[in-house]
Amino acid sequence: MPGFILHLGATVLCAHGGQATPLVTQPRVTVSGQPVATLTSPYAVAGCALPPVSGGPCVTAQYVTSATRVTVNGQPVLLQDSQAICAPTGTPLLPLVVQSRVTAI
């Protein structure tokens, strides 16, 4: 199913409210003036509110699903409905605000 492409400026949060940003982007392709994110890029999470006694906080995250037909430099782009897993908590990332002009499958 098509979804909007994630980019560096997208607002992505962990399940506990921490801000997630991609550590590597692909500047060769931009959407809304921002480089796109691909499947191979890990995300850094800052400001996770889950206390250490509960298994937190979220520190990093890795996407496990992505576009199946659109790639940048051979790497699949991330979509708004792509699934990610945070470490060490195992919770998902939640893309809240993304660009709304470019979609991919």
PDB file of N, CA and C in Angstrom:
ATOM      1  N   MET A   1       0.832  -1.176   0.000  1.00  0.00           N
ATOM      2  CA  MET A   1       0.000   0.000   0.000  1.00  0.00           C
ATOM      3  C   MET A   1       0.884   1.250   0.000  1.00  0.00           C
ATOM      4  N   PRO A   2       0.559   2.267  -0.790  1.00  0.00           N
ATOM      5  CA  PRO A   2       1.404   3.457  -0.848  1.00  0.00           C
ATOM      6  C   PRO A   2       1.400   4.234   0.463  1.00  0.00           C
ATOM      7  N   GLY A   3       2.499   4.893   0.730  1.00  0.00           N
ATOM      8  CA  GLY A   3       2.614   5.731   1.918  1.00  0.00           C
ATOM      9  C   GLY A   3       3.527   6.897   1.643  1.00  0.00           C
ATOM     10  N   PHE A   4       3.441   7.930   2.462  1.00  0.00           N
ATOM     11  CA  PHE A   4       4.302   9.090   2.314  1.00  0.00           C
ATOM     12  C   PHE A   4       5.727   8.739   2.726  1.00  0.00           C
ATOM     13  N   ILE A   5       6.705   9.282   2.002  1.00  0.00           N
ATOM     14  CA  ILE A   5       8.121   8.998   2.252  1.00  0.00           C
ATOM     15  C   ILE A   5       8.608   9.785   3.470  1.00  0.00           C
ATOM     16  N   LEU A   6       9.364   9.111   4.353  1.00  0.00           N
ATOM     17  CA  LEU A   6       9.974   9.774   5.507  1.00  0.00           C
ATOM     18  C   LEU A   6      11.229  10.522   5.079  1.00  0.00           C
ATOM     19  N   HIS A   7      11.455  11.657   5.708  1.00  0.00           N
ATOM     20  CA  HIS A   7      12.635  12.464   5.418  1.00  0.00           C
ATOM     21  C   HIS A   7      13.222  12.982   6.731  1.00  0.00           C
ATOM     22  N   LEU A   8      14.334  13.675   6.624  1.00  0.00           N
ATOM     23  CA  LEU A   8      15.040  14.150   7.814  1.00  0.00           C
ATOM     24  C   LEU A   8      14.179  15.046   8.686  1.00  0.00           C
ATOM     25  N   GLY A   9      13.318  15.858   8.099  1.00  0.00           N
ATOM     26  CA  GLY A   9      12.501  16.788   8.866  1.00  0.00           C
ATOM     27  C   GLY A   9      11.219  16.207   9.433  1.00  0.00           C
ATOM     28  N   ALA A  10      10.954  14.927   9.218  1.00  0.00           N
ATOM     29  CA  ALA A  10       9.731  14.308   9.737  1.00  0.00           C
ATOM     30  C   ALA A  10       9.776  14.245  11.264  1.00  0.00           C
ATOM     31  N   THR A  11       8.621  14.386  11.892  1.00  0.00           N
ATOM     32  CA  THR A  11       8.524  14.249  13.345  1.00  0.00           C
ATOM     33  C   THR A  11       8.225  12.787  13.660  1.00  0.00           C
ATOM     34  N   VAL A  12       9.234  12.114  14.215  1.00  0.00           N
ATOM     35  CA  VAL A  12       9.116  10.694  14.561  1.00  0.00           C
ATOM     36  C   VAL A  12       9.431  10.559  16.046  1.00  0.00           C
ATOM     37  N   LEU A  13       8.513   9.915  16.784  1.00  0.00           N
ATOM     38  CA  LEU A  13       8.682   9.741  18.218  1.00  0.00           C
ATOM     39  C   LEU A  13       8.697   8.269  18.587  1.00  0.00           C
ATOM     40  N   CYS A  14       9.373   7.958  19.707  1.00  0.00           N
ATOM     41  CA  CYS A  14       9.246   6.613  20.262  1.00  0.00           C
ATOM     42  C   CYS A  14       7.910   6.557  20.986  1.00  0.00           C
ATOM     43  N   ALA A  15       7.505   5.403  21.426  1.00  0.00           N
ATOM     44  CA  ALA A  15       6.212   5.230  22.078  1.00  0.00           C
ATOM     45  C   ALA A  15       6.119   5.988  23.404  1.00  0.00           C
ATOM     46  N   HIS A  16       7.250   6.467  23.917  1.00  0.00           N
ATOM     47  CA  HIS A  16       7.266   7.162  25.210  1.00  0.00           C
ATOM     48  C   HIS A  16       7.529   8.654  25.046  1.00  0.00           C
ATOM     49  N   GLY A  17       7.503   9.143  23.801  1.00  0.00           N
ATOM     50  CA  GLY A  17       7.637  10.572  23.553  1.00  0.00           C
ATOM     51  C   GLY A  17       9.018  11.071  23.213  1.00  0.00           C
ATOM     52  N   GLY A  18      10.001  10.184  23.077  1.00  0.00           N
ATOM     53  CA  GLY A  18      11.352  10.607  22.705  1.00  0.00           C
ATOM     54  C   GLY A  18      11.434  10.930  21.217  1.00  0.00           C
ATOM     55  N   GLN A  19      12.196  11.960  20.861  1.00  0.00           N
ATOM     56  CA  GLN A  19      12.370  12.380  19.470  1.00  0.00           C
ATOM     57  C   GLN A  19      13.386  11.459  18.772  1.00  0.00           C
ATOM     58  N   ALA A  20      12.983  10.905  17.626  1.00  0.00           N
ATOM     59  CA  ALA A  20      13.859  10.010  16.863  1.00  0.00           C
ATOM     60  C   ALA A  20      14.294  10.697  15.573  1.00  0.00           C
ATOM     61  N   THR A  21      15.581  10.616  15.267  1.00  0.00           N
ATOM     62  CA  THR A  21      16.110  11.193  14.030  1.00  0.00           C
ATOM     63  C   THR A  21      17.027  10.182  13.352  1.00  0.00           C
ATOM     64  N   PRO A  22      17.013  10.139  12.017  1.00  0.00           N
ATOM     65  CA  PRO A  22      17.897   9.201  11.316  1.00  0.00           C
ATOM     66  C   PRO A  22      19.349   9.644  11.437  1.00  0.00           C
ATOM     67  N   LEU A  23      20.235   8.682  11.620  1.00  0.00           N
ATOM     68  CA  LEU A  23      21.657   9.003  11.718  1.00  0.00           C
ATOM     69  C   LEU A  23      22.285   9.196  10.339  1.00  0.00           C
ATOM     70  N   VAL A  24      21.703   8.573   9.324  1.00  0.00           N
ATOM     71  CA  VAL A  24      22.196   8.683   7.947  1.00  0.00           C
ATOM     72  C   VAL A  24      20.997   8.934   7.043  1.00  0.00           C
ATOM     73  N   THR A  25      21.129   9.890   6.129  1.00  0.00           N
ATOM     74  CA  THR A  25      20.073  10.135   5.143  1.00  0.00           C
ATOM     75  C   THR A  25      20.696  10.060   3.755  1.00  0.00           C
ATOM     76  N   GLN A  26      19.859  10.114   2.744  1.00  0.00           N
ATOM     77  CA  GLN A  26      20.320  10.061   1.354  1.00  0.00           C
ATOM     78  C   GLN A  26      20.106  11.433   0.710  1.00  0.00           C
ATOM     79  N   PRO A  27      21.124  12.292   0.706  1.00  0.00           N
ATOM     80  CA  PRO A  27      20.960  13.641   0.167  1.00  0.00           C
ATOM     81  C   PRO A  27      20.797  13.681  -1.347  1.00  0.00           C
ATOM     82  N   ARG A  28      21.001  12.573  -2.000  1.00  0.00           N
ATOM     83  CA  ARG A  28      20.845  12.522  -3.456  1.00  0.00           C
ATOM     84  C   ARG A  28      19.392  12.753  -3.876  1.00  0.00           C
ATOM     85  N   VAL A  29      18.442  12.367  -2.993  1.00  0.00           N
ATOM     86  CA  VAL A  29      17.014  12.563  -3.253  1.00  0.00           C
ATOM     87  C   VAL A  29      16.426  13.335  -2.085  1.00  0.00           C
ATOM     88  N   THR A  30      15.677  14.405  -2.385  1.00  0.00           N
ATOM     89  CA  THR A  30      15.040  15.186  -1.334  1.00  0.00           C
ATOM     90  C   THR A  30      13.534  15.273  -1.572  1.00  0.00           C
ATOM     91  N   VAL A  31      12.795  15.401  -0.493  1.00  0.00           N
ATOM     92  CA  VAL A  31      11.366  15.693  -0.535  1.00  0.00           C
ATOM     93  C   VAL A  31      11.143  16.839   0.449  1.00  0.00           C
ATOM     94  N   SER A  32      10.383  17.831   0.017  1.00  0.00           N
ATOM     95  CA  SER A  32      10.172  19.044   0.820  1.00  0.00           C
ATOM     96  C   SER A  32      11.500  19.657   1.248  1.00  0.00           C
ATOM     97  N   GLY A  33      12.508  19.542   0.384  1.00  0.00           N
ATOM     98  CA  GLY A  33      13.813  20.136   0.661  1.00  0.00           C
ATOM     99  C   GLY A  33      14.662  19.379   1.659  1.00  0.00           C
ATOM    100  N   GLN A  34      14.232  18.193   2.085  1.00  0.00           N
ATOM    101  CA  GLN A  34      14.952  17.403   3.081  1.00  0.00           C
ATOM    102  C   GLN A  34      15.377  16.069   2.483  1.00  0.00           C
ATOM    103  N   PRO A  35      16.572  15.573   2.823  1.00  0.00           N
ATOM    104  CA  PRO A  35      16.989  14.260   2.328  1.00  0.00           C
ATOM    105  C   PRO A  35      16.109  13.150   2.884  1.00  0.00           C
ATOM    106  N   VAL A  36      15.905  12.095   2.085  1.00  0.00           N
ATOM    107  CA  VAL A  36      15.035  10.990   2.497  1.00  0.00           C
ATOM    108  C   VAL A  36      15.783  10.011   3.396  1.00  0.00           C
ATOM    109  N   ALA A  37      15.021   9.248   4.161  1.00  0.00           N
ATOM    110  CA  ALA A  37      15.567   8.214   5.041  1.00  0.00           C
ATOM    111  C   ALA A  37      15.381   6.854   4.378  1.00  0.00           C
ATOM    112  N   THR A  38      16.345   5.963   4.584  1.00  0.00           N
ATOM    113  CA  THR A  38      16.280   4.632   3.991  1.00  0.00           C
ATOM    114  C   THR A  38      16.316   3.556   5.078  1.00  0.00           C
ATOM    115  N   LEU A  39      16.025   2.341   4.662  1.00  0.00           N
ATOM    116  CA  LEU A  39      15.918   1.207   5.577  1.00  0.00           C
ATOM    117  C   LEU A  39      17.196   0.953   6.380  1.00  0.00           C
ATOM    118  N   THR A  40      18.347   1.178   5.801  1.00  0.00           N
ATOM    119  CA  THR A  40      19.602   0.839   6.471  1.00  0.00           C
ATOM    120  C   THR A  40      20.030   1.825   7.548  1.00  0.00           C
ATOM    121  N   SER A  41      19.401   2.984   7.606  1.00  0.00           N
ATOM    122  CA  SER A  41      19.806   3.991   8.579  1.00  0.00           C
ATOM    123  C   SER A  41      19.232   3.714   9.958  1.00  0.00           C
ATOM    124  N   PRO A  42      20.092   3.640  10.967  1.00  0.00           N
ATOM    125  CA  PRO A  42      19.572   3.546  12.333  1.00  0.00           C
ATOM    126  C   PRO A  42      19.049   4.918  12.765  1.00  0.00           C
ATOM    127  N   TYR A  43      18.158   4.932  13.726  1.00  0.00           N
ATOM    128  CA  TYR A  43      17.628   6.162  14.289  1.00  0.00           C
ATOM    129  C   TYR A  43      18.151   6.330  15.710  1.00  0.00           C
ATOM    130  N   ALA A  44      18.483   7.557  16.089  1.00  0.00           N
ATOM    131  CA  ALA A  44      18.851   7.885  17.463  1.00  0.00           C
ATOM    132  C   ALA A  44      17.612   8.446  18.150  1.00  0.00           C
ATOM    133  N   VAL A  45      17.391   8.042  19.395  1.00  0.00           N
ATOM    134  CA  VAL A  45      16.226   8.504  20.151  1.00  0.00           C
ATOM    135  C   VAL A  45      16.719   9.324  21.339  1.00  0.00           C
ATOM    136  N   ALA A  46      16.188  10.546  21.464  1.00  0.00           N
ATOM    137  CA  ALA A  46      16.566  11.431  22.575  1.00  0.00           C
ATOM    138  C   ALA A  46      15.309  11.846  23.322  1.00  0.00           C
ATOM    139  N   GLY A  47      15.392  11.861  24.638  1.00  0.00           N
ATOM    140  CA  GLY A  47      14.287  12.346  25.448  1.00  0.00           C
ATOM    141  C   GLY A  47      13.213  11.327  25.756  1.00  0.00           C
ATOM    142  N   CYS A  48      13.513  10.052  25.662  1.00  0.00           N
ATOM    143  CA  CYS A  48      12.532   9.008  25.993  1.00  0.00           C
ATOM    144  C   CYS A  48      12.211   9.095  27.484  1.00  0.00           C
ATOM    145  N   ALA A  49      10.919   9.062  27.801  1.00  0.00           N
ATOM    146  CA  ALA A  49      10.474   9.221  29.190  1.00  0.00           C
ATOM    147  C   ALA A  49      10.388   7.914  29.978  1.00  0.00           C
ATOM    148  N   LEU A  50      10.672   6.774  29.359  1.00  0.00           N
ATOM    149  CA  LEU A  50      10.578   5.497  30.071  1.00  0.00           C
ATOM    150  C   LEU A  50      11.738   5.381  31.057  1.00  0.00           C
ATOM    151  N   PRO A  51      11.449   5.200  32.344  1.00  0.00           N
ATOM    152  CA  PRO A  51      12.533   5.120  33.327  1.00  0.00           C
ATOM    153  C   PRO A  51      13.330   3.818  33.210  1.00  0.00           C
ATOM    154  N   PRO A  52      14.580   3.853  33.668  1.00  0.00           N
ATOM    155  CA  PRO A  52      15.434   2.653  33.603  1.00  0.00           C
ATOM    156  C   PRO A  52      14.863   1.456  34.356  1.00  0.00           C
ATOM    157  N   VAL A  53      14.125   1.671  35.413  1.00  0.00           N
ATOM    158  CA  VAL A  53      13.563   0.536  36.168  1.00  0.00           C
ATOM    159  C   VAL A  53      12.490  -0.183  35.367  1.00  0.00           C
ATOM    160  N   SER A  54      11.963   0.460  34.333  1.00  0.00           N
ATOM    161  CA  SER A  54      10.947  -0.155  33.472  1.00  0.00           C
ATOM    162  C   SER A  54      11.532  -0.688  32.175  1.00  0.00           C
ATOM    163  N   GLY A  55      12.869  -0.690  32.067  1.00  0.00           N
ATOM    164  CA  GLY A  55      13.522  -1.206  30.866  1.00  0.00           C
ATOM    165  C   GLY A  55      13.922  -0.141  29.875  1.00  0.00           C
ATOM    166  N   GLY A  56      13.798   1.095  30.219  1.00  0.00           N
ATOM    167  CA  GLY A  56      14.095   2.196  29.287  1.00  0.00           C
ATOM    168  C   GLY A  56      15.394   2.873  29.632  1.00  0.00           C
ATOM    169  N   PRO A  57      15.678   3.940  29.024  1.00  0.00           N
ATOM    170  CA  PRO A  57      14.916   4.603  27.974  1.00  0.00           C
ATOM    171  C   PRO A  57      15.274   4.045  26.592  1.00  0.00           C
ATOM    172  N   CYS A  58      14.433   4.390  25.601  1.00  0.00           N
ATOM    173  CA  CYS A  58      14.766   4.043  24.213  1.00  0.00           C
ATOM    174  C   CYS A  58      16.011   4.837  23.814  1.00  0.00           C
ATOM    175  N   VAL A  59      16.963   4.183  23.172  1.00  0.00           N
ATOM    176  CA  VAL A  59      18.208   4.839  22.788  1.00  0.00           C
ATOM    177  C   VAL A  59      18.358   4.877  21.270  1.00  0.00           C
ATOM    178  N   THR A  60      18.109   3.748  20.629  1.00  0.00           N
ATOM    179  CA  THR A  60      18.199   3.660  19.177  1.00  0.00           C
ATOM    180  C   THR A  60      16.974   2.929  18.645  1.00  0.00           C
ATOM    181  N   ALA A  61      16.813   2.993  17.331  1.00  0.00           N
ATOM    182  CA  ALA A  61      15.726   2.255  16.687  1.00  0.00           C
ATOM    183  C   ALA A  61      16.178   1.862  15.290  1.00  0.00           C
ATOM    184  N   GLN A  62      15.617   0.776  14.793  1.00  0.00           N
ATOM    185  CA  GLN A  62      15.919   0.310  13.442  1.00  0.00           C
ATOM    186  C   GLN A  62      14.615  -0.064  12.757  1.00  0.00           C
ATOM    187  N   TYR A  63      14.441   0.451  11.549  1.00  0.00           N
ATOM    188  CA  TYR A  63      13.254   0.084  10.773  1.00  0.00           C
ATOM    189  C   TYR A  63      13.438  -1.316  10.211  1.00  0.00           C
ATOM    190  N   VAL A  64      12.335  -2.059  10.155  1.00  0.00           N
ATOM    191  CA  VAL A  64      12.378  -3.428   9.647  1.00  0.00           C
ATOM    192  C   VAL A  64      11.531  -3.602   8.394  1.00  0.00           C
ATOM    193  N   THR A  65      10.670  -2.640   8.069  1.00  0.00           N
ATOM    194  CA  THR A  65       9.920  -2.669   6.815  1.00  0.00           C
ATOM    195  C   THR A  65      10.118  -1.340   6.093  1.00  0.00           C
ATOM    196  N   SER A  66       9.899  -1.350   4.779  1.00  0.00           N
ATOM    197  CA  SER A  66      10.130  -0.150   3.976  1.00  0.00           C
ATOM    198  C   SER A  66       9.364  -0.275   2.667  1.00  0.00           C
ATOM    199  N   ALA A  67       9.614   0.656   1.773  1.00  0.00           N
ATOM    200  CA  ALA A  67       9.021   0.591   0.437  1.00  0.00           C
ATOM    201  C   ALA A  67       9.552  -0.651  -0.278  1.00  0.00           C
ATOM    202  N   THR A  68       8.735  -1.210  -1.154  1.00  0.00           N
ATOM    203  CA  THR A  68       9.169  -2.388  -1.902  1.00  0.00           C
ATOM    204  C   THR A  68       9.554  -2.065  -3.335  1.00  0.00           C
ATOM    205  N   ARG A  69       9.174  -0.891  -3.810  1.00  0.00           N
ATOM    206  CA  ARG A  69       9.439  -0.555  -5.205  1.00  0.00           C
ATOM    207  C   ARG A  69      10.279   0.691  -5.425  1.00  0.00           C
ATOM    208  N   VAL A  70      10.533   1.476  -4.390  1.00  0.00           N
ATOM    209  CA  VAL A  70      11.283   2.723  -4.548  1.00  0.00           C
ATOM    210  C   VAL A  70      12.549   2.659  -3.710  1.00  0.00           C
ATOM    211  N   THR A  71      13.680   2.899  -4.362  1.00  0.00           N
ATOM    212  CA  THR A  71      14.970   2.876  -3.681  1.00  0.00           C
ATOM    213  C   THR A  71      15.762   4.136  -4.001  1.00  0.00           C
ATOM    214  N   VAL A  72      16.738   4.423  -3.144  1.00  0.00           N
ATOM    215  CA  VAL A  72      17.709   5.491  -3.363  1.00  0.00           C
ATOM    216  C   VAL A  72      19.074   4.867  -3.164  1.00  0.00           C
ATOM    217  N   ASN A  73      19.920   4.932  -4.183  1.00  0.00           N
ATOM    218  CA  ASN A  73      21.245   4.303  -4.121  1.00  0.00           C
ATOM    219  C   ASN A  73      21.150   2.835  -3.711  1.00  0.00           C
ATOM    220  N   GLY A  74      20.117   2.162  -4.180  1.00  0.00           N
ATOM    221  CA  GLY A  74      19.948   0.735  -3.905  1.00  0.00           C
ATOM    222  C   GLY A  74      19.313   0.408  -2.568  1.00  0.00           C
ATOM    223  N   GLN A  75      18.965   1.416  -1.766  1.00  0.00           N
ATOM    224  CA  GLN A  75      18.372   1.189  -0.455  1.00  0.00           C
ATOM    225  C   GLN A  75      16.896   1.586  -0.480  1.00  0.00           C
ATOM    226  N   PRO A  76      15.987   0.754   0.027  1.00  0.00           N
ATOM    227  CA  PRO A  76      14.556   1.092   0.044  1.00  0.00           C
ATOM    228  C   PRO A  76      14.287   2.308   0.928  1.00  0.00           C
ATOM    229  N   VAL A  77      13.408   3.187   0.471  1.00  0.00           N
ATOM    230  CA  VAL A  77      13.046   4.358   1.267  1.00  0.00           C
ATOM    231  C   VAL A  77      12.059   3.958   2.362  1.00  0.00           C
ATOM    232  N   LEU A  78      12.032   4.761   3.435  1.00  0.00           N
ATOM    233  CA  LEU A  78      11.100   4.519   4.530  1.00  0.00           C
ATOM    234  C   LEU A  78       9.799   5.239   4.260  1.00  0.00           C
ATOM    235  N   LEU A  79       8.706   4.626   4.675  1.00  0.00           N
ATOM    236  CA  LEU A  79       7.377   5.192   4.491  1.00  0.00           C
ATOM    237  C   LEU A  79       6.744   5.483   5.847  1.00  0.00           C
ATOM    238  N   GLN A  80       5.693   6.297   5.831  1.00  0.00           N
ATOM    239  CA  GLN A  80       5.009   6.641   7.070  1.00  0.00           C
ATOM    240  C   GLN A  80       4.482   5.401   7.786  1.00  0.00           C
ATOM    241  N   ASP A  81       4.132   4.355   7.042  1.00  0.00           N
ATOM    242  CA  ASP A  81       3.615   3.139   7.685  1.00  0.00           C
ATOM    243  C   ASP A  81       4.677   2.057   7.875  1.00  0.00           C
ATOM    244  N   SER A  82       5.954   2.393   7.653  1.00  0.00           N
ATOM    245  CA  SER A  82       7.038   1.432   7.901  1.00  0.00           C
ATOM    246  C   SER A  82       7.118   1.145   9.400  1.00  0.00           C
ATOM    247  N   GLN A  83       7.554  -0.058   9.751  1.00  0.00           N
ATOM    248  CA  GLN A  83       7.629  -0.498  11.145  1.00  0.00           C
ATOM    249  C   GLN A  83       9.064  -0.459  11.650  1.00  0.00           C
ATOM    250  N   ALA A  84       9.231   0.021  12.889  1.00  0.00           N
ATOM    251  CA  ALA A  84      10.553   0.100  13.516  1.00  0.00           C
ATOM    252  C   ALA A  84      10.492  -0.496  14.908  1.00  0.00           C
ATOM    253  N   ILE A  85      11.662  -0.899  15.405  1.00  0.00           N
ATOM    254  CA  ILE A  85      11.780  -1.446  16.756  1.00  0.00           C
ATOM    255  C   ILE A  85      12.850  -0.654  17.495  1.00  0.00           C
ATOM    256  N   CYS A  86      12.482  -0.150  18.680  1.00  0.00           N
ATOM    257  CA  CYS A  86      13.425   0.602  19.519  1.00  0.00           C
ATOM    258  C   CYS A  86      14.234  -0.368  20.377  1.00  0.00           C
ATOM    259  N   ALA A  87      15.472   0.022  20.646  1.00  0.00           N
ATOM    260  CA  ALA A  87      16.312  -0.758  21.551  1.00  0.00           C
ATOM    261  C   ALA A  87      16.582   0.110  22.771  1.00  0.00           C
ATOM    262  N   PRO A  88      16.546  -0.418  23.928  1.00  0.00           N
ATOM    263  CA  PRO A  88      16.369  -1.808  24.321  1.00  0.00           C
ATOM    264  C   PRO A  88      14.926  -2.193  24.632  1.00  0.00           C
ATOM    265  N   THR A  89      13.954  -1.305  24.415  1.00  0.00           N
ATOM    266  CA  THR A  89      12.588  -1.550  24.883  1.00  0.00           C
ATOM    267  C   THR A  89      11.741  -2.427  23.975  1.00  0.00           C
ATOM    268  N   GLY A  90      12.052  -2.464  22.671  1.00  0.00           N
ATOM    269  CA  GLY A  90      11.265  -3.256  21.734  1.00  0.00           C
ATOM    270  C   GLY A  90       9.962  -2.597  21.310  1.00  0.00           C
ATOM    271  N   THR A  91       9.775  -1.331  21.634  1.00  0.00           N
ATOM    272  CA  THR A  91       8.562  -0.608  21.258  1.00  0.00           C
ATOM    273  C   THR A  91       8.733   0.027  19.878  1.00  0.00           C
ATOM    274  N   PRO A  92       7.628   0.462  19.236  1.00  0.00           N
ATOM    275  CA  PRO A  92       7.722   1.012  17.879  1.00  0.00           C
ATOM    276  C   PRO A  92       8.067   2.496  17.864  1.00  0.00           C
ATOM    277  N   LEU A  93       8.450   2.969  16.675  1.00  0.00           N
ATOM    278  CA  LEU A  93       8.539   4.402  16.416  1.00  0.00           C
ATOM    279  C   LEU A  93       7.214   4.842  15.794  1.00  0.00           C
ATOM    280  N   LEU A  94       6.840   6.075  16.042  1.00  0.00           N
ATOM    281  CA  LEU A  94       5.572   6.609  15.551  1.00  0.00           C
ATOM    282  C   LEU A  94       5.827   7.862  14.717  1.00  0.00           C
ATOM    283  N   PRO A  95       5.773   7.763  13.387  1.00  0.00           N
ATOM    284  CA  PRO A  95       5.905   8.955  12.549  1.00  0.00           C
ATOM    285  C   PRO A  95       4.619   9.783  12.653  1.00  0.00           C
ATOM    286  N   LEU A  96       4.710  10.980  13.217  1.00  0.00           N
ATOM    287  CA  LEU A  96       3.528  11.800  13.440  1.00  0.00           C
ATOM    288  C   LEU A  96       3.316  12.844  12.352  1.00  0.00           C
ATOM    289  N   VAL A  97       4.392  13.523  11.955  1.00  0.00           N
ATOM    290  CA  VAL A  97       4.288  14.565  10.934  1.00  0.00           C
ATOM    291  C   VAL A  97       5.292  14.255   9.837  1.00  0.00           C
ATOM    292  N   VAL A  98       4.779  14.042   8.631  1.00  0.00           N
ATOM    293  CA  VAL A  98       5.637  13.767   7.471  1.00  0.00           C
ATOM    294  C   VAL A  98       5.191  14.657   6.322  1.00  0.00           C
ATOM    295  N   GLN A  99       6.033  14.761   5.306  1.00  0.00           N
ATOM    296  CA  GLN A  99       5.634  15.519   4.119  1.00  0.00           C
ATOM    297  C   GLN A  99       4.466  14.806   3.459  1.00  0.00           C
ATOM    298  N   SER A 100       3.648  15.559   2.738  1.00  0.00           N
ATOM    299  CA  SER A 100       2.449  14.954   2.152  1.00  0.00           C
ATOM    300  C   SER A 100       2.349  15.152   0.647  1.00  0.00           C
ATOM    301  N   ARG A 101       3.507  15.197  -0.017  1.00  0.00           N
ATOM    302  CA  ARG A 101       3.489  15.384  -1.467  1.00  0.00           C
ATOM    303  C   ARG A 101       3.968  14.165  -2.231  1.00  0.00           C
ATOM    304  N   VAL A 102       4.877  13.382  -1.652  1.00  0.00           N
ATOM    305  CA  VAL A 102       5.486  12.273  -2.380  1.00  0.00           C
ATOM    306  C   VAL A 102       5.155  10.952  -1.696  1.00  0.00           C
ATOM    307  N   THR A 103       4.590  10.029  -2.477  1.00  0.00           N
ATOM    308  CA  THR A 103       4.276   8.700  -1.949  1.00  0.00           C
ATOM    309  C   THR A 103       5.104   7.651  -2.685  1.00  0.00           C
ATOM    310  N   ALA A 104       5.197   6.489  -2.077  1.00  0.00           N
ATOM    311  CA  ALA A 104       5.904   5.363  -2.672  1.00  0.00           C
ATOM    312  C   ALA A 104       5.193   4.083  -2.277  1.00  0.00           C
ATOM    313  N   ILE A 105       5.513   3.019  -2.980  1.00  0.00           N
ATOM    314  CA  ILE A 105       4.970   1.698  -2.664  1.00  0.00           C
ATOM    315  C   ILE A 105       6.103   0.806  -2.200  1.00  0.00           C
TER     316      ILE A 105
END
